[in-house]
Amino acid sequence: MFTGLIQEQGKVTKITRHGHTIELTCEASEQLLDNYRIGDSMAINGTCLTAIAINNQRFCVEMMPETYQRTTFSQMKVGDPVNLERALPYNGRLEGHLVTGHVDGTTRLLQKRMQENAFVFVFGLPGTFKGEIIPQGSIAINGVSLTVTAVTEQTFSVSLIPYSKEQTNLGKLVQGQLVNIETDLLGKYVKAQGILKW
């Protein structure tokens, strides 16, 4: 489990593709990788992946075709910044929201604008996410824990404070760019049980 509070931005240094299977190597700080071991989890842009190799300030993960097809990794390039978060220890503080690292799908940034000190981002709302994204609910975008500020039939919006914009790769998003989405865990179960009708 994760919190959606990004610990740092890493950088993709190598991508090896075998069909729809990818080995991804990322650069990170010594501090983040301290006591990080092969077999440990890391959320990369919100996707929980397992370390298969670690060398100095680089670590390598492998993803299966399902992950490749469901996330933005199919479009990733060497040099791209990625949001990194290590798994939450059971005695750790939960300051964001519960994030599983199981990405539900992707959507595109439609618009971004300033609203006083906030950066408002408007994303497309795929039909499969309806009922799972609600105003004031939680959402993880590229692994970043955010609060949904508005929802329409075709869009949803979030707001970022300047700190979140600078400390994550969301600040570098351009219109039309794909992002990974994980909707709120509780919202999924409520929708699955048919408690809410949409």
Protein backbone atom coordinates (compact mmCIF):
# COMPACT_ATOMS: atom_id res chain seq x y z
CA MET A 1 0.00 0.00 0.00
CA PHE A 2 0.98 3.63 -0.62
CA THR A 3 -0.19 7.07 0.46
CA GLY A 4 0.03 9.05 -2.78
CA LEU A 5 2.56 11.40 -1.18
CA ILE A 6 5.45 11.45 -3.65
CA GLN A 7 8.86 11.14 -2.05
CA GLU A 8 10.83 12.36 -5.04
CA GLN A 9 10.98 12.58 -8.81
CA GLY A 10 13.21 10.00 -10.42
CA LYS A 11 14.27 9.69 -14.04
CA VAL A 12 13.93 6.88 -16.55
CA THR A 13 17.42 5.85 -17.67
CA LYS A 14 16.73 2.68 -19.67
CA ILE A 15 13.75 0.93 -21.25
CA THR A 16 14.00 -2.63 -22.55
CA ARG A 17 10.94 -3.90 -24.39
CA HIS A 18 10.15 -7.53 -25.16
CA GLY A 19 6.76 -7.32 -26.86
CA HIS A 20 4.44 -5.96 -24.17
CA THR A 21 6.84 -6.81 -21.36
CA ILE A 22 9.07 -3.98 -20.16
CA GLU A 23 12.15 -3.75 -17.98
CA LEU A 24 12.39 -0.19 -16.72
CA THR A 25 15.47 1.29 -15.06
CA CYS A 26 15.09 4.47 -13.00
CA GLU A 27 17.51 6.78 -11.26
CA ALA A 28 16.75 7.80 -7.67
CA SER A 29 18.55 9.30 -4.70
CA GLU A 30 20.66 7.30 -2.25
CA GLN A 31 18.29 8.43 0.48
CA LEU A 32 15.22 6.93 -1.24
CA LEU A 33 17.03 3.70 -2.05
CA ASP A 34 18.50 3.27 1.43
CA ASN A 35 17.56 -0.26 2.61
CA TYR A 36 15.68 -0.82 -0.66
CA ARG A 37 16.12 -4.44 -1.66
CA ILE A 38 15.36 -6.74 -4.58
CA GLY A 39 11.75 -7.84 -4.19
CA ASP A 40 10.66 -4.56 -2.57
CA SER A 41 7.87 -2.46 -4.04
CA MET A 42 8.07 1.01 -5.54
CA ALA A 43 5.19 3.04 -6.94
CA ILE A 44 6.36 4.55 -10.23
CA ASN A 45 3.83 7.08 -11.52
CA GLY A 46 1.34 5.35 -9.25
CA THR A 47 2.04 1.81 -10.46
CA CYS A 48 3.24 -0.70 -7.87
CA LEU A 49 6.27 -2.50 -9.32
CA THR A 50 8.84 -4.89 -7.86
CA ALA A 51 12.60 -4.34 -7.92
CA ILE A 52 14.51 -7.03 -9.82
CA ALA A 53 17.91 -5.30 -9.72
CA ILE A 54 19.53 -2.45 -7.78
CA ASN A 55 22.88 -0.82 -8.58
CA ASN A 56 24.12 2.38 -6.91
CA GLN A 57 21.45 5.02 -7.57
CA ARG A 58 19.51 2.97 -10.11
CA PHE A 59 16.93 0.26 -9.77
CA CYS A 60 15.20 -1.94 -12.33
CA VAL A 61 11.62 -3.22 -12.35
CA GLU A 62 9.76 -5.54 -14.69
CA MET A 63 6.16 -5.18 -15.76
CA MET A 64 3.82 -7.66 -17.39
CA PRO A 65 1.62 -7.04 -20.47
CA GLU A 66 -1.44 -6.16 -18.35
CA THR A 67 0.47 -3.30 -16.72
CA TYR A 68 1.88 -2.16 -20.07
CA GLN A 69 -1.59 -2.00 -21.63
CA ARG A 70 -3.37 -0.36 -18.67
CA THR A 71 -0.85 2.42 -17.97
CA THR A 72 1.16 5.15 -19.68
CA PHE A 73 4.36 3.07 -19.70
CA SER A 74 3.81 2.11 -23.34
CA GLN A 75 4.56 5.76 -24.22
CA MET A 76 7.41 6.35 -21.79
CA LYS A 77 10.80 7.54 -23.04
CA VAL A 78 14.31 7.62 -21.59
CA GLY A 79 14.76 10.86 -19.66
CA ASP A 80 11.11 11.12 -18.60
CA PRO A 81 10.58 12.20 -14.98
CA VAL A 82 8.63 9.76 -12.82
CA ASN A 83 6.97 10.10 -9.43
CA LEU A 84 8.43 7.70 -6.87
CA GLU A 85 7.01 6.44 -3.59
CA ARG A 86 8.15 3.50 -1.51
CA ALA A 87 5.59 1.22 0.10
CA LEU A 88 3.98 2.40 3.33
CA PRO A 89 5.25 0.57 6.42
CA TYR A 90 2.45 -0.68 8.68
CA ASN A 91 3.61 1.62 11.47
CA GLY A 92 3.92 4.60 9.10
CA ARG A 93 1.80 7.73 8.98
CA LEU A 94 -1.03 7.83 6.47
CA GLU A 95 -1.20 11.47 5.37
CA GLY A 96 -2.56 11.11 1.83
CA HIS A 97 -5.08 8.35 1.18
CA LEU A 98 -4.88 4.59 0.74
CA VAL A 99 -3.41 3.93 -2.70
CA THR A 100 -2.92 0.34 -3.86
CA GLY A 101 -0.64 1.05 -6.81
CA HIS A 102 -3.05 -0.87 -9.06
CA VAL A 103 -3.75 1.62 -11.84
CA ASP A 104 -7.32 1.50 -13.17
CA GLY A 105 -6.52 3.11 -16.51
CA THR A 106 -5.46 6.33 -18.16
CA THR A 107 -6.99 9.61 -19.18
CA ARG A 108 -5.83 12.83 -20.84
CA LEU A 109 -5.24 16.32 -19.51
CA LEU A 110 -7.73 18.59 -21.24
CA GLN A 111 -6.95 21.94 -19.64
CA LYS A 112 -4.91 23.61 -16.93
CA ARG A 113 -5.32 27.09 -15.52
CA MET A 114 -4.43 29.24 -12.54
CA GLN A 115 -6.92 30.09 -9.81
CA GLU A 116 -5.12 32.42 -7.42
CA ASN A 117 -2.43 30.17 -5.85
CA ALA A 118 -3.94 26.93 -7.17
CA PHE A 119 -3.26 25.12 -10.43
CA VAL A 120 -6.51 23.64 -11.73
CA PHE A 121 -6.20 20.56 -13.95
CA VAL A 122 -9.18 19.27 -15.95
CA PHE A 123 -9.10 15.66 -17.17
CA GLY A 124 -11.39 13.56 -19.33
CA LEU A 125 -13.74 11.25 -17.44
CA PRO A 126 -13.88 7.81 -19.09
CA GLY A 127 -17.23 6.09 -18.70
CA THR A 128 -15.65 3.21 -16.80
CA PHE A 129 -14.70 5.60 -13.97
CA LYS A 130 -18.19 7.03 -13.46
CA GLY A 131 -19.40 6.48 -9.95
CA GLU A 132 -15.83 6.09 -8.69
CA ILE A 133 -14.86 9.76 -9.04
CA ILE A 134 -16.94 12.15 -6.94
CA PRO A 135 -16.48 15.77 -5.76
CA GLN A 136 -14.32 15.92 -2.61
CA GLY A 137 -13.35 12.28 -3.14
CA SER A 138 -9.78 11.04 -3.40
CA ILE A 139 -7.94 10.14 -6.58
CA ALA A 140 -4.34 9.26 -7.46
CA ILE A 141 -3.01 10.82 -10.68
CA ASN A 142 0.44 9.51 -11.65
CA GLY A 143 0.53 8.30 -8.05
CA VAL A 144 -0.18 11.73 -6.52
CA SER A 145 -2.93 11.80 -3.89
CA LEU A 146 -5.37 14.57 -4.81
CA THR A 147 -8.89 15.72 -3.99
CA VAL A 148 -11.46 15.89 -6.76
CA THR A 149 -12.85 19.43 -6.92
CA ALA A 150 -15.50 19.06 -9.64
CA VAL A 151 -17.11 16.38 -11.81
CA THR A 152 -19.20 16.74 -14.96
CA GLU A 153 -20.55 14.14 -17.38
CA GLN A 154 -17.29 14.17 -19.33
CA THR A 155 -14.61 15.70 -17.08
CA PHE A 156 -13.24 15.90 -13.56
CA SER A 157 -10.98 18.52 -12.00
CA VAL A 158 -8.32 18.63 -9.31
CA SER A 159 -6.34 21.51 -7.82
CA LEU A 160 -2.65 21.54 -6.96
CA ILE A 161 -0.83 23.79 -4.56
CA PRO A 162 2.51 25.13 -5.87
CA TYR A 163 4.44 22.58 -3.77
CA SER A 164 2.68 19.61 -5.40
CA LYS A 165 3.22 21.11 -8.84
CA GLU A 166 6.96 21.50 -8.27
CA GLN A 167 7.62 18.24 -6.40
CA THR A 168 5.84 15.93 -8.86
CA ASN A 169 5.78 15.45 -12.62
CA LEU A 170 2.23 16.84 -12.80
CA GLY A 171 3.69 20.31 -13.18
CA LYS A 172 5.26 19.23 -16.48
CA LEU A 173 2.03 17.89 -18.00
CA VAL A 174 0.93 19.37 -21.31
CA GLN A 175 -2.54 19.40 -22.81
CA GLY A 176 -3.43 16.03 -24.31
CA GLN A 177 -0.88 14.09 -22.26
CA LEU A 178 -1.91 10.75 -20.76
CA VAL A 179 -1.77 10.12 -17.01
CA ASN A 180 -2.28 7.05 -14.84
CA ILE A 181 -5.45 7.03 -12.74
CA GLU A 182 -6.31 5.07 -9.61
CA THR A 183 -9.77 5.87 -8.30
CA ASP A 184 -10.63 5.74 -4.60
CA LEU A 185 -10.51 2.25 -3.11
CA LEU A 186 -13.70 2.71 -1.10
CA GLY A 187 -15.54 4.14 -4.11
CA LYS A 188 -14.76 0.99 -6.11
CA TYR A 189 -16.28 -1.27 -3.48
CA VAL A 190 -19.35 0.93 -3.03
CA LYS A 191 -19.93 0.90 -6.79
CA ALA A 192 -19.31 -2.87 -7.03
CA GLN A 193 -21.91 -3.58 -4.35
CA GLY A 194 -24.49 -1.45 -6.16
CA ILE A 195 -24.99 0.78 -3.12
CA LEU A 196 -24.93 3.84 -5.37
CA LYS A 197 -26.84 3.91 -8.65
CA TRP A 198 -25.26 5.90 -11.50
